[in-house]
């Protein structure tokens, strides 16, 4: 099981890292623009967790369990948002295999990981609120940057075309949805027995 544990995390960490690096190169290494997309951030976060779990010999389980849950929540939120709101938009300028990796393969791998490798410590439901700090910080960054530069990564956050009222409503909906996803991740995770090995 430990060999499979390391191989699983290492394989998907390598795959996602390659996809992200190539995608960054395709964007002419415009770092700020690249990091303005939650897809890239959530996959960077998940790949980082997978690298850590694959290579670290001694685990701080409580620490990594909470981060695993946060990673799962972020990538599920991103995946749902992508397939519901963005997937059918034209001119996405992303290679098909990278799109598949970041919006399907890695999200499935991260979600499955939450259940395949049971947690060693219980993650309190209150962690869901803490996990929202990162998405809320991202949302604030996007809105402030967009207000200053006029550049928005997603149409549903574009206050120039939608107005601040609609963007606030959209932001509230995203936050509520994120909190719900995080709560479900924790709740369903509790259905899996802890690994005491």
C-alpha atoms as a PDB file:
ATOM      1  CA  UNK A   1       0.000   0.000   0.000  1.00  0.00           C
ATOM      2  CA  UNK A   2       2.840   2.390   0.797  1.00  0.00           C
ATOM      3  CA  UNK A   3       4.443   1.754  -2.604  1.00  0.00           C
ATOM      4  CA  UNK A   4       1.130   2.412  -4.354  1.00  0.00           C
ATOM      5  CA  UNK A   5       0.679   5.517  -2.169  1.00  0.00           C
ATOM      6  CA  UNK A   6       3.979   6.996  -3.344  1.00  0.00           C
ATOM      7  CA  UNK A   7       3.555   5.924  -6.986  1.00  0.00           C
ATOM      8  CA  UNK A   8       0.021   7.361  -7.158  1.00  0.00           C
ATOM      9  CA  UNK A   9       1.050  10.750  -5.831  1.00  0.00           C
ATOM     10  CA  UNK A  10       4.292  10.892  -7.800  1.00  0.00           C
ATOM     11  CA  UNK A  11       2.643   9.976 -11.120  1.00  0.00           C
ATOM     12  CA  UNK A  12      -0.065  12.642 -10.914  1.00  0.00           C
ATOM     13  CA  UNK A  13       2.349  15.214  -9.480  1.00  0.00           C
ATOM     14  CA  UNK A  14       4.654  14.752 -12.482  1.00  0.00           C
ATOM     15  CA  UNK A  15       1.797  14.779 -15.005  1.00  0.00           C
ATOM     16  CA  UNK A  16       0.243  17.946 -13.602  1.00  0.00           C
ATOM     17  CA  UNK A  17       3.571  19.720 -13.220  1.00  0.00           C
ATOM     18  CA  UNK A  18       4.418  19.046 -16.869  1.00  0.00           C
ATOM     19  CA  UNK A  19       0.989  20.300 -17.940  1.00  0.00           C
ATOM     20  CA  UNK A  20       1.356  23.476 -15.873  1.00  0.00           C
ATOM     21  CA  UNK A  21       4.881  24.229 -17.113  1.00  0.00           C
ATOM     22  CA  UNK A  22       3.897  23.751 -20.762  1.00  0.00           C
ATOM     23  CA  UNK A  23       0.771  25.845 -20.204  1.00  0.00           C
ATOM     24  CA  UNK A  24       2.884  28.594 -18.632  1.00  0.00           C
ATOM     25  CA  UNK A  25       5.208  28.480 -21.633  1.00  0.00           C
ATOM     26  CA  UNK A  26       2.247  28.783 -23.980  1.00  0.00           C
ATOM     27  CA  UNK A  27       1.270  31.964 -22.122  1.00  0.00           C
ATOM     28  CA  UNK A  28       4.757  33.428 -22.802  1.00  0.00           C
ATOM     29  CA  UNK A  29       5.542  33.119 -19.098  1.00  0.00           C
ATOM     30  CA  UNK A  30       3.200  35.939 -18.119  1.00  0.00           C
ATOM     31  CA  UNK A  31       3.267  34.932 -14.449  1.00  0.00           C
ATOM     32  CA  UNK A  32       0.619  37.321 -13.130  1.00  0.00           C
ATOM     33  CA  UNK A  33      -1.852  36.448 -15.880  1.00  0.00           C
ATOM     34  CA  UNK A  34      -1.116  32.748 -15.376  1.00  0.00           C
ATOM     35  CA  UNK A  35      -1.768  32.977 -11.644  1.00  0.00           C
ATOM     36  CA  UNK A  36      -4.980  34.919 -12.241  1.00  0.00           C
ATOM     37  CA  UNK A  37      -6.756  31.697 -13.191  1.00  0.00           C
ATOM     38  CA  UNK A  38      -8.085  29.578 -10.350  1.00  0.00           C
ATOM     39  CA  UNK A  39      -7.576  26.486 -12.523  1.00  0.00           C
ATOM     40  CA  UNK A  40      -3.828  27.021 -12.417  1.00  0.00           C
ATOM     41  CA  UNK A  41      -3.746  27.881  -8.727  1.00  0.00           C
ATOM     42  CA  UNK A  42      -5.847  24.899  -7.650  1.00  0.00           C
ATOM     43  CA  UNK A  43      -3.740  22.519  -9.730  1.00  0.00           C
ATOM     44  CA  UNK A  44      -0.492  24.032  -8.432  1.00  0.00           C
ATOM     45  CA  UNK A  45      -1.801  23.560  -4.892  1.00  0.00           C
ATOM     46  CA  UNK A  46      -2.839  19.956  -5.557  1.00  0.00           C
ATOM     47  CA  UNK A  47       0.401  19.076  -7.342  1.00  0.00           C
ATOM     48  CA  UNK A  48       2.349  20.556  -4.439  1.00  0.00           C
ATOM     49  CA  UNK A  49       0.468  18.371  -1.963  1.00  0.00           C
ATOM     50  CA  UNK A  50       1.045  15.308  -4.152  1.00  0.00           C
ATOM     51  CA  UNK A  51       4.779  16.043  -4.423  1.00  0.00           C
ATOM     52  CA  UNK A  52       4.953  16.412  -0.645  1.00  0.00           C
ATOM     53  CA  UNK A  53       3.102  13.165   0.000  1.00  0.00           C
ATOM     54  CA  UNK A  54       5.157  11.260  -2.569  1.00  0.00           C
ATOM     55  CA  UNK A  55       8.567  12.365  -1.357  1.00  0.00           C
ATOM     56  CA  UNK A  56       8.304  13.086   2.362  1.00  0.00           C
ATOM     57  CA  UNK A  57       9.239  10.099   4.515  1.00  0.00           C
ATOM     58  CA  UNK A  58       7.735  11.228   7.823  1.00  0.00           C
ATOM     59  CA  UNK A  59       4.239  12.714   7.668  1.00  0.00           C
ATOM     60  CA  UNK A  60       2.656  15.232   9.961  1.00  0.00           C
ATOM     61  CA  UNK A  61      -0.755  13.651   9.360  1.00  0.00           C
ATOM     62  CA  UNK A  62      -2.903  16.298  10.976  1.00  0.00           C
ATOM     63  CA  UNK A  63      -1.229  18.980   8.895  1.00  0.00           C
ATOM     64  CA  UNK A  64      -1.351  17.111   5.613  1.00  0.00           C
ATOM     65  CA  UNK A  65      -4.890  15.805   6.146  1.00  0.00           C
ATOM     66  CA  UNK A  66      -6.249  19.329   6.394  1.00  0.00           C
ATOM     67  CA  UNK A  67      -4.275  20.411   3.342  1.00  0.00           C
ATOM     68  CA  UNK A  68      -5.483  17.361   1.426  1.00  0.00           C
ATOM     69  CA  UNK A  69      -9.057  18.340   2.222  1.00  0.00           C
ATOM     70  CA  UNK A  70      -8.449  21.940   1.184  1.00  0.00           C
ATOM     71  CA  UNK A  71      -6.823  20.786  -2.051  1.00  0.00           C
ATOM     72  CA  UNK A  72      -9.770  18.501  -2.794  1.00  0.00           C
ATOM     73  CA  UNK A  73     -12.257  21.293  -2.161  1.00  0.00           C
ATOM     74  CA  UNK A  74     -10.429  23.823  -4.339  1.00  0.00           C
ATOM     75  CA  UNK A  75     -10.066  21.541  -7.319  1.00  0.00           C
ATOM     76  CA  UNK A  76     -13.689  20.364  -7.103  1.00  0.00           C
ATOM     77  CA  UNK A  77     -14.893  23.972  -6.956  1.00  0.00           C
ATOM     78  CA  UNK A  78     -12.745  24.813  -9.963  1.00  0.00           C
ATOM     79  CA  UNK A  79     -13.866  21.762 -11.934  1.00  0.00           C
ATOM     80  CA  UNK A  80     -17.568  22.354 -11.322  1.00  0.00           C
ATOM     81  CA  UNK A  81     -17.180  26.016 -12.271  1.00  0.00           C
ATOM     82  CA  UNK A  82     -15.268  25.164 -15.414  1.00  0.00           C
ATOM     83  CA  UNK A  83     -17.672  22.558 -16.764  1.00  0.00           C
ATOM     84  CA  UNK A  84     -20.762  24.601 -15.905  1.00  0.00           C
ATOM     85  CA  UNK A  85     -19.623  28.092 -16.870  1.00  0.00           C
ATOM     86  CA  UNK A  86     -16.564  27.987 -19.110  1.00  0.00           C
ATOM     87  CA  UNK A  87     -16.151  24.707 -20.995  1.00  0.00           C
ATOM     88  CA  UNK A  88     -18.387  25.727 -23.907  1.00  0.00           C
ATOM     89  CA  UNK A  89     -16.863  29.160 -24.400  1.00  0.00           C
ATOM     90  CA  UNK A  90     -14.878  29.688 -27.631  1.00  0.00           C
ATOM     91  CA  UNK A  91     -11.215  30.691 -27.917  1.00  0.00           C
ATOM     92  CA  UNK A  92      -9.900  29.227 -24.673  1.00  0.00           C
ATOM     93  CA  UNK A  93      -6.345  29.011 -26.023  1.00  0.00           C
ATOM     94  CA  UNK A  94      -5.298  25.864 -24.185  1.00  0.00           C
ATOM     95  CA  UNK A  95      -3.963  22.600 -25.550  1.00  0.00           C
ATOM     96  CA  UNK A  96      -6.494  19.788 -25.403  1.00  0.00           C
ATOM     97  CA  UNK A  97      -4.299  17.443 -23.348  1.00  0.00           C
ATOM     98  CA  UNK A  98      -3.514  20.191 -20.848  1.00  0.00           C
ATOM     99  CA  UNK A  99      -7.194  21.077 -20.615  1.00  0.00           C
ATOM    100  CA  UNK A 100      -8.009  17.410 -20.007  1.00  0.00           C
ATOM    101  CA  UNK A 101      -5.290  17.089 -17.372  1.00  0.00           C
ATOM    102  CA  UNK A 102      -6.183  20.227 -15.411  1.00  0.00           C
ATOM    103  CA  UNK A 103      -9.971  19.988 -15.684  1.00  0.00           C
ATOM    104  CA  UNK A 104     -10.586  16.236 -15.568  1.00  0.00           C
ATOM    105  CA  UNK A 105      -7.665  13.914 -14.831  1.00  0.00           C
ATOM    106  CA  UNK A 106      -6.118  15.734 -11.870  1.00  0.00           C
ATOM    107  CA  UNK A 107      -9.490  16.676 -10.314  1.00  0.00           C
ATOM    108  CA  UNK A 108     -10.542  13.020 -10.458  1.00  0.00           C
ATOM    109  CA  UNK A 109      -7.175  11.917  -9.050  1.00  0.00           C
ATOM    110  CA  UNK A 110      -7.342  14.386  -6.165  1.00  0.00           C
ATOM    111  CA  UNK A 111     -10.956  13.535  -5.318  1.00  0.00           C
ATOM    112  CA  UNK A 112     -10.287   9.786  -5.471  1.00  0.00           C
ATOM    113  CA  UNK A 113      -7.179  10.259  -3.308  1.00  0.00           C
ATOM    114  CA  UNK A 114      -9.300  11.711  -0.512  1.00  0.00           C
ATOM    115  CA  UNK A 115     -11.120   8.366  -0.288  1.00  0.00           C
ATOM    116  CA  UNK A 116      -8.505   5.847  -1.463  1.00  0.00           C
ATOM    117  CA  UNK A 117      -6.033   6.920   1.212  1.00  0.00           C
ATOM    118  CA  UNK A 118      -8.066   7.367   4.421  1.00  0.00           C
ATOM    119  CA  UNK A 119      -7.213  10.148   6.801  1.00  0.00           C
ATOM    120  CA  UNK A 120      -5.331   9.427  10.002  1.00  0.00           C
ATOM    121  CA  UNK A 121      -6.854  12.306  11.947  1.00  0.00           C
ATOM    122  CA  UNK A 122     -10.400  13.626  11.928  1.00  0.00           C
ATOM    123  CA  UNK A 123     -10.775  16.942  10.114  1.00  0.00           C
ATOM    124  CA  UNK A 124     -13.258  19.145  11.951  1.00  0.00           C
ATOM    125  CA  UNK A 125     -16.177  20.589  10.006  1.00  0.00           C
ATOM    126  CA  UNK A 126     -14.988  24.043  11.033  1.00  0.00           C
ATOM    127  CA  UNK A 127     -11.980  23.582   8.756  1.00  0.00           C
ATOM    128  CA  UNK A 128     -14.318  24.310   5.840  1.00  0.00           C
ATOM    129  CA  UNK A 129     -14.404  27.969   6.890  1.00  0.00           C
ATOM    130  CA  UNK A 130     -10.601  28.135   7.127  1.00  0.00           C
ATOM    131  CA  UNK A 131     -10.265  26.597   3.684  1.00  0.00           C
ATOM    132  CA  UNK A 132     -12.219  29.540   2.232  1.00  0.00           C
ATOM    133  CA  UNK A 133      -9.454  31.996   3.151  1.00  0.00           C
ATOM    134  CA  UNK A 134      -7.470  31.138   0.026  1.00  0.00           C
ATOM    135  CA  UNK A 135     -10.381  31.362  -2.482  1.00  0.00           C
ATOM    136  CA  UNK A 136     -11.567  34.605  -0.874  1.00  0.00           C
ATOM    137  CA  UNK A 137      -8.058  36.030  -1.094  1.00  0.00           C
ATOM    138  CA  UNK A 138      -7.958  35.015  -4.749  1.00  0.00           C
ATOM    139  CA  UNK A 139     -11.334  36.648  -5.356  1.00  0.00           C
ATOM    140  CA  UNK A 140     -10.165  39.884  -3.759  1.00  0.00           C
ATOM    141  CA  UNK A 141      -6.990  39.825  -5.876  1.00  0.00           C
ATOM    142  CA  UNK A 142      -8.947  39.303  -9.108  1.00  0.00           C
ATOM    143  CA  UNK A 143     -11.411  42.087  -8.363  1.00  0.00           C
ATOM    144  CA  UNK A 144      -8.749  44.590  -7.288  1.00  0.00           C
ATOM    145  CA  UNK A 145      -6.481  43.766 -10.217  1.00  0.00           C
ATOM    146  CA  UNK A 146      -9.413  43.893 -12.611  1.00  0.00           C
ATOM    147  CA  UNK A 147     -10.525  47.239 -11.257  1.00  0.00           C
ATOM    148  CA  UNK A 148      -7.042  48.667 -11.806  1.00  0.00           C
ATOM    149  CA  UNK A 149      -6.157  47.032 -15.117  1.00  0.00           C
ATOM    150  CA  UNK A 150      -9.512  46.154 -16.671  1.00  0.00           C
ATOM    151  CA  UNK A 151      -8.319  42.548 -17.050  1.00  0.00           C
ATOM    152  CA  UNK A 152     -10.545  39.825 -15.612  1.00  0.00           C
ATOM    153  CA  UNK A 153      -9.837  36.092 -16.001  1.00  0.00           C
ATOM    154  CA  UNK A 154     -13.529  35.161 -15.914  1.00  0.00           C
ATOM    155  CA  UNK A 155     -16.512  36.921 -17.448  1.00  0.00           C
ATOM    156  CA  UNK A 156     -18.691  36.411 -14.352  1.00  0.00           C
ATOM    157  CA  UNK A 157     -16.265  38.536 -12.310  1.00  0.00           C
ATOM    158  CA  UNK A 158     -15.998  41.356 -14.835  1.00  0.00           C
ATOM    159  CA  UNK A 159     -17.445  44.412 -13.112  1.00  0.00           C
ATOM    160  CA  UNK A 160     -16.850  46.528 -16.214  1.00  0.00           C
ATOM    161  CA  UNK A 161     -19.492  44.608 -18.156  1.00  0.00           C
ATOM    162  CA  UNK A 162     -21.710  43.238 -15.369  1.00  0.00           C
ATOM    163  CA  UNK A 163     -21.512  46.014 -12.808  1.00  0.00           C
ATOM    164  CA  UNK A 164     -20.380  45.679  -9.199  1.00  0.00           C
ATOM    165  CA  UNK A 165     -23.815  44.636  -7.974  1.00  0.00           C
ATOM    166  CA  UNK A 166     -23.959  41.558 -10.183  1.00  0.00           C
ATOM    167  CA  UNK A 167     -20.330  40.705  -9.472  1.00  0.00           C
ATOM    168  CA  UNK A 168     -21.018  40.848  -5.733  1.00  0.00           C
ATOM    169  CA  UNK A 169     -23.974  38.516  -6.195  1.00  0.00           C
ATOM    170  CA  UNK A 170     -21.815  36.160  -8.261  1.00  0.00           C
ATOM    171  CA  UNK A 171     -19.052  36.326  -5.663  1.00  0.00           C
ATOM    172  CA  UNK A 172     -21.497  35.505  -2.883  1.00  0.00           C
ATOM    173  CA  UNK A 173     -22.779  32.547  -4.861  1.00  0.00           C
ATOM    174  CA  UNK A 174     -19.259  31.280  -5.454  1.00  0.00           C
ATOM    175  CA  UNK A 175     -18.413  31.647  -1.775  1.00  0.00           C
ATOM    176  CA  UNK A 176     -21.550  29.834  -0.665  1.00  0.00           C
ATOM    177  CA  UNK A 177     -20.897  27.097  -3.200  1.00  0.00           C
ATOM    178  CA  UNK A 178     -17.317  26.784  -2.025  1.00  0.00           C
ATOM    179  CA  UNK A 179     -18.386  26.453   1.587  1.00  0.00           C
ATOM    180  CA  UNK A 180     -20.899  23.782   0.639  1.00  0.00           C
ATOM    181  CA  UNK A 181     -18.296  21.812  -1.321  1.00  0.00           C
ATOM    182  CA  UNK A 182     -15.826  21.996   1.555  1.00  0.00           C
ATOM    183  CA  UNK A 183     -18.455  20.794   4.009  1.00  0.00           C
ATOM    184  CA  UNK A 184     -19.387  17.883   1.756  1.00  0.00           C
ATOM    185  CA  UNK A 185     -15.721  16.918   1.340  1.00  0.00           C
ATOM    186  CA  UNK A 186     -15.297  16.753   5.107  1.00  0.00           C
ATOM    187  CA  UNK A 187     -18.631  15.009   5.697  1.00  0.00           C
ATOM    188  CA  UNK A 188     -18.041  12.308   3.080  1.00  0.00           C
ATOM    189  CA  UNK A 189     -14.461  11.917   4.232  1.00  0.00           C
ATOM    190  CA  UNK A 190     -15.785  11.004   7.671  1.00  0.00           C
ATOM    191  CA  UNK A 191     -17.524   8.022   6.109  1.00  0.00           C
ATOM    192  CA  UNK A 192     -14.138   6.501   5.337  1.00  0.00           C
ATOM    193  CA  UNK A 193     -12.401   4.770   8.213  1.00  0.00           C
ATOM    194  CA  UNK A 194      -9.150   6.301   9.384  1.00  0.00           C
ATOM    195  CA  UNK A 195      -5.970   4.515   8.378  1.00  0.00           C
ATOM    196  CA  UNK A 196      -4.226   3.540  11.575  1.00  0.00           C
ATOM    197  CA  UNK A 197      -1.164   2.016   9.893  1.00  0.00           C
END
